């Protein structure tokens, strides 16, 4: 399973400057996934100054029985950094 959550908060210094959404006072980002088991959450590690798009964050979730393979594929193909594995 692979899912992309667009317009989400990118944590850490690389995330400064990326925009994100919130709904009913809840920020779209990693915090909404804390209760999911066996999910890897990844995000792009490009600094906002190098971004050429709309400068909005995206979280990528990988899970299921092949979670490790999915995580490696996301890291390689999209040049993502793993920040949390539940």
Protein backbone atom coordinates (compact mmCIF):
# COMPACT_ATOMS: atom_id res chain seq x y z
CA UNK A 1 0.00 0.00 0.00
CA UNK A 2 1.23 3.46 -0.88
CA UNK A 3 -0.67 6.65 -0.08
CA UNK A 4 0.22 10.31 -0.55
CA UNK A 5 -1.18 13.00 1.74
CA UNK A 6 -0.82 16.34 -0.01
CA UNK A 7 -0.57 19.78 1.62
CA UNK A 8 0.78 18.29 4.85
CA UNK A 9 3.16 19.68 7.45
CA UNK A 10 6.80 18.73 6.78
CA UNK A 11 8.57 18.56 10.16
CA UNK A 12 12.10 19.66 10.97
CA UNK A 13 14.36 22.30 9.44
CA UNK A 14 13.79 21.04 5.88
CA UNK A 15 10.07 21.70 6.30
CA UNK A 16 10.35 25.37 7.20
CA UNK A 17 8.59 27.37 4.51
CA UNK A 18 6.43 24.56 3.14
CA UNK A 19 2.72 25.30 3.38
CA UNK A 20 0.17 22.90 4.84
CA UNK A 21 -3.55 22.63 5.46
CA UNK A 22 -5.55 22.29 8.64
CA UNK A 23 -9.15 21.25 9.16
CA UNK A 24 -11.21 21.90 12.29
CA UNK A 25 -8.03 23.07 14.03
CA UNK A 26 -6.13 19.84 13.26
CA UNK A 27 -2.96 20.13 11.18
CA UNK A 28 -2.59 17.77 8.24
CA UNK A 29 0.67 15.94 8.96
CA UNK A 30 2.32 13.04 10.74
CA UNK A 31 0.40 13.64 13.95
CA UNK A 32 -2.84 12.35 12.47
CA UNK A 33 -1.21 8.96 11.79
CA UNK A 34 0.06 8.17 15.29
CA UNK A 35 -2.46 5.39 15.87
CA UNK A 36 -1.75 3.39 12.72
CA UNK A 37 0.34 0.24 13.13
CA UNK A 38 3.10 -0.83 10.77
CA UNK A 39 3.12 2.26 8.58
CA UNK A 40 6.25 4.03 7.36
CA UNK A 41 5.81 7.78 6.89
CA UNK A 42 8.23 9.55 4.57
CA UNK A 43 8.59 13.04 3.19
CA UNK A 44 10.71 14.81 0.60
CA UNK A 45 13.94 16.08 2.11
CA UNK A 46 14.46 18.94 -0.38
CA UNK A 47 14.80 22.35 1.24
CA UNK A 48 11.99 24.72 0.31
CA UNK A 49 14.38 27.15 -1.39
CA UNK A 50 15.19 24.47 -4.00
CA UNK A 51 11.56 23.56 -4.61
CA UNK A 52 10.16 24.72 -7.95
CA UNK A 53 6.52 23.82 -7.34
CA UNK A 54 3.83 25.25 -5.11
CA UNK A 55 5.92 24.64 -1.95
CA UNK A 56 3.31 22.54 -0.20
CA UNK A 57 4.31 19.51 1.87
CA UNK A 58 3.44 15.91 1.08
CA UNK A 59 3.63 12.84 3.33
CA UNK A 60 4.02 9.41 1.75
CA UNK A 61 2.78 6.36 3.64
CA UNK A 62 3.93 2.82 2.96
CA UNK A 63 2.43 -0.21 4.62
CA UNK A 64 1.15 -3.71 4.35
CA UNK A 65 3.00 -7.02 4.19
CA UNK A 66 5.63 -5.57 1.84
CA UNK A 67 6.21 -2.38 3.85
CA UNK A 68 10.02 -2.64 3.73
CA UNK A 69 10.03 -3.02 -0.06
CA UNK A 70 7.58 -0.13 -0.48
CA UNK A 71 9.68 2.08 1.80
CA UNK A 72 12.88 1.33 -0.14
CA UNK A 73 11.12 2.03 -3.43
CA UNK A 74 9.77 5.38 -2.21
CA UNK A 75 13.19 6.39 -0.86
CA UNK A 76 14.93 5.49 -4.11
CA UNK A 77 12.42 6.67 -6.72
CA UNK A 78 11.24 9.86 -5.01
CA UNK A 79 14.44 10.60 -3.05
CA UNK A 80 12.51 10.62 0.22
CA UNK A 81 13.79 10.55 3.76
CA UNK A 82 12.27 8.18 6.29
CA UNK A 83 11.25 10.08 9.38
CA UNK A 84 8.96 7.73 11.22
CA UNK A 85 8.19 4.07 11.26
CA UNK A 86 5.38 2.95 13.53
